[in-house]
Amino acid sequence: MGGISIGWPWENNSSLAELSKAAALLEQATRLASSWRPELPNAAGYYAEFIALDTRIEEFKASLTPIAGLSAFPLAARQRLHATHCIAQTVTIQLHAAFASQNSASRHKCLEAGLAIIRAGAAARILEFTFIDHGIGVRFFIYLRSHISLTIVDSR
């Protein structure tokens, strides 16, 4: 039984656990972002939940293997870490996109997250991947959608 705690996917520091945490954060951000309405009766409660989730997202991203170190991992690990980084950055975009046109901090977070997705791809050397997780395309679309709308807002 002593070796059972080594390398199991449900351990807190395993790459599969990190991937699962990123997916859970994406679900939370999607749920919260989709509930936003300017006429919310409890805007203060929404804002408190928004700040708490944003803080948790930033803590999670800070806990990940640094992007610059991705190239040192074997191919399978790089693919999983790349997907985790991309999901984590997409979570930020998902949460902040609704506010990016009016709030410069949200706009900055969306743009920085999009750039981090691009940097993660370069650091993970995705051209060496046999395949790329199909969800990465969806996340890149989310970035492009928010970037295009931000560019339109900035040009007005």
Protein backbone atom coordinates (compact mmCIF):
# COMPACT_ATOMS: atom_id res chain seq x y z
CA MET A 1 0.00 0.00 0.00
CA GLY A 2 2.95 2.34 0.51
CA GLY A 3 3.44 2.87 -3.24
CA ILE A 4 -0.21 3.55 -3.92
CA SER A 5 0.18 7.28 -3.32
CA ILE A 6 2.92 7.70 -5.90
CA GLY A 7 1.95 8.79 -9.39
CA TRP A 8 -1.80 8.27 -9.17
CA PRO A 9 -3.82 10.69 -11.30
CA TRP A 10 -5.91 11.97 -8.42
CA GLU A 11 -2.94 13.31 -6.47
CA ASN A 12 -2.95 17.06 -6.08
CA ASN A 13 0.25 17.59 -8.04
CA SER A 14 -0.33 15.16 -10.92
CA SER A 15 -0.75 16.57 -14.41
CA LEU A 16 -4.13 14.84 -14.76
CA ALA A 17 -5.31 16.44 -11.51
CA GLU A 18 -4.16 19.84 -12.79
CA LEU A 19 -6.01 19.26 -16.06
CA SER A 20 -9.14 18.36 -14.10
CA LYS A 21 -8.82 21.45 -11.91
CA ALA A 22 -8.47 23.64 -14.99
CA ALA A 23 -11.61 22.08 -16.48
CA ALA A 24 -13.51 22.64 -13.22
CA LEU A 25 -12.42 26.29 -13.16
CA LEU A 26 -13.58 26.67 -16.77
CA GLU A 27 -17.00 25.34 -15.81
CA GLN A 28 -17.19 27.77 -12.86
CA ALA A 29 -16.11 30.73 -14.99
CA THR A 30 -18.57 29.84 -17.74
CA ARG A 31 -21.41 29.53 -15.24
CA LEU A 32 -20.56 32.82 -13.54
CA ALA A 33 -19.95 34.74 -16.76
CA SER A 34 -23.21 33.51 -18.27
CA SER A 35 -25.17 34.69 -15.23
CA TRP A 36 -24.07 38.32 -15.60
CA ARG A 37 -26.80 40.83 -16.38
CA PRO A 38 -26.42 44.59 -15.87
CA GLU A 39 -29.71 44.62 -13.97
CA LEU A 40 -28.72 41.92 -11.47
CA PRO A 41 -30.49 42.52 -8.15
CA ASN A 42 -27.40 41.47 -6.18
CA ALA A 43 -24.53 43.00 -8.16
CA ALA A 44 -22.36 43.19 -5.03
CA GLY A 45 -22.73 39.44 -4.48
CA TYR A 46 -21.88 38.78 -8.12
CA TYR A 47 -18.80 41.00 -7.87
CA ALA A 48 -17.64 39.23 -4.69
CA GLU A 49 -17.99 35.84 -6.42
CA PHE A 50 -16.23 37.22 -9.51
CA ILE A 51 -13.25 38.48 -7.46
CA ALA A 52 -13.03 35.23 -5.48
CA LEU A 53 -13.02 33.13 -8.66
CA ASP A 54 -10.56 35.44 -10.41
CA THR A 55 -8.22 35.16 -7.41
CA ARG A 56 -8.51 31.36 -7.43
CA ILE A 57 -7.79 31.27 -11.17
CA GLU A 58 -4.65 33.38 -10.74
CA GLU A 59 -3.48 31.17 -7.86
CA PHE A 60 -4.03 28.08 -9.99
CA LYS A 61 -2.14 29.52 -12.97
CA ALA A 62 0.75 30.48 -10.69
CA SER A 63 0.91 26.90 -9.39
CA LEU A 64 1.39 25.38 -12.86
CA THR A 65 4.73 24.38 -14.33
CA PRO A 66 6.16 27.58 -15.83
CA ILE A 67 5.52 27.90 -19.57
CA ALA A 68 9.22 28.34 -20.23
CA GLY A 69 9.90 24.88 -18.82
CA LEU A 70 7.44 22.95 -20.99
CA SER A 71 9.95 22.02 -23.67
CA ALA A 72 11.96 19.93 -21.20
CA PHE A 73 9.16 17.38 -20.70
CA PRO A 74 8.55 14.22 -22.74
CA LEU A 75 6.00 14.57 -25.54
CA ALA A 76 2.98 13.10 -23.70
CA ALA A 77 3.60 15.29 -20.66
CA ARG A 78 4.06 18.36 -22.87
CA GLN A 79 0.71 17.70 -24.53
CA ARG A 80 -1.08 17.43 -21.20
CA LEU A 81 0.69 20.46 -19.70
CA HIS A 82 0.00 22.48 -22.85
CA ALA A 83 -3.70 21.63 -22.64
CA THR A 84 -3.76 22.56 -18.95
CA HIS A 85 -2.09 25.93 -19.59
CA CYS A 86 -4.45 26.68 -22.46
CA ILE A 87 -7.54 25.80 -20.43
CA ALA A 88 -6.30 27.88 -17.49
CA GLN A 89 -5.78 30.92 -19.72
CA THR A 90 -9.15 30.36 -21.39
CA VAL A 91 -10.76 30.45 -17.96
CA THR A 92 -9.47 34.01 -17.53
CA ILE A 93 -10.81 34.99 -20.95
CA GLN A 94 -14.16 33.36 -20.26
CA LEU A 95 -14.54 35.18 -16.96
CA HIS A 96 -13.40 38.62 -18.16
CA ALA A 97 -14.67 38.75 -21.75
CA ALA A 98 -18.07 40.20 -20.84
CA PHE A 99 -16.40 43.17 -19.15
CA ALA A 100 -13.45 43.68 -21.50
CA SER A 101 -15.16 46.30 -23.65
CA GLN A 102 -15.78 48.60 -20.66
CA ASN A 103 -13.04 47.66 -18.20
CA SER A 104 -9.36 48.07 -19.07
CA ALA A 105 -8.23 45.57 -16.41
CA SER A 106 -10.50 42.87 -17.87
CA ARG A 107 -9.37 43.77 -21.39
CA HIS A 108 -5.73 43.48 -20.31
CA LYS A 109 -6.34 40.12 -18.65
CA CYS A 110 -8.02 38.77 -21.80
CA LEU A 111 -5.18 39.91 -24.04
CA GLU A 112 -2.49 38.61 -21.68
CA ALA A 113 -4.26 35.25 -21.44
CA GLY A 114 -4.43 35.02 -25.23
CA LEU A 115 -0.74 35.77 -25.53
CA ALA A 116 0.00 33.16 -22.85
CA ILE A 117 -1.86 30.57 -24.95
CA ILE A 118 0.36 31.43 -27.90
CA ARG A 119 3.49 31.32 -25.73
CA ALA A 120 2.43 27.95 -24.30
CA GLY A 121 2.15 26.55 -27.81
CA ALA A 122 5.60 27.76 -28.73
CA ALA A 123 7.17 26.54 -25.47
CA ALA A 124 5.51 23.13 -25.72
CA ARG A 125 6.70 22.83 -29.35
CA ILE A 126 3.23 21.91 -30.57
CA LEU A 127 4.48 21.39 -34.13
CA GLU A 128 5.99 18.15 -32.80
CA PHE A 129 2.62 16.90 -31.55
CA THR A 130 0.97 14.15 -33.57
CA PHE A 131 -2.36 15.69 -32.62
CA ILE A 132 -3.58 18.63 -30.60
CA ASP A 133 -6.38 18.24 -28.11
CA HIS A 134 -9.56 19.21 -29.96
CA GLY A 135 -10.51 21.50 -27.11
CA ILE A 136 -7.48 23.68 -27.82
CA GLY A 137 -9.14 24.84 -31.03
CA VAL A 138 -12.23 25.84 -29.08
CA ARG A 139 -10.13 27.74 -26.56
CA PHE A 140 -8.23 29.50 -29.33
CA PHE A 141 -11.58 30.49 -30.88
CA ILE A 142 -12.67 31.96 -27.53
CA TYR A 143 -9.48 34.02 -27.50
CA LEU A 144 -9.95 35.18 -31.09
CA ARG A 145 -13.59 36.07 -30.46
CA SER A 146 -12.69 38.22 -27.48
CA HIS A 147 -9.64 39.70 -29.24
CA ILE A 148 -11.65 40.67 -32.31
CA SER A 149 -14.36 42.30 -30.20
CA LEU A 150 -11.66 44.10 -28.15
CA THR A 151 -9.98 45.34 -31.33
CA ILE A 152 -13.31 46.67 -32.60
CA VAL A 153 -13.95 48.42 -29.28
CA ASP A 154 -10.43 49.90 -29.20
CA SER A 155 -10.73 51.26 -32.74
CA ARG A 156 -13.92 53.23 -32.00
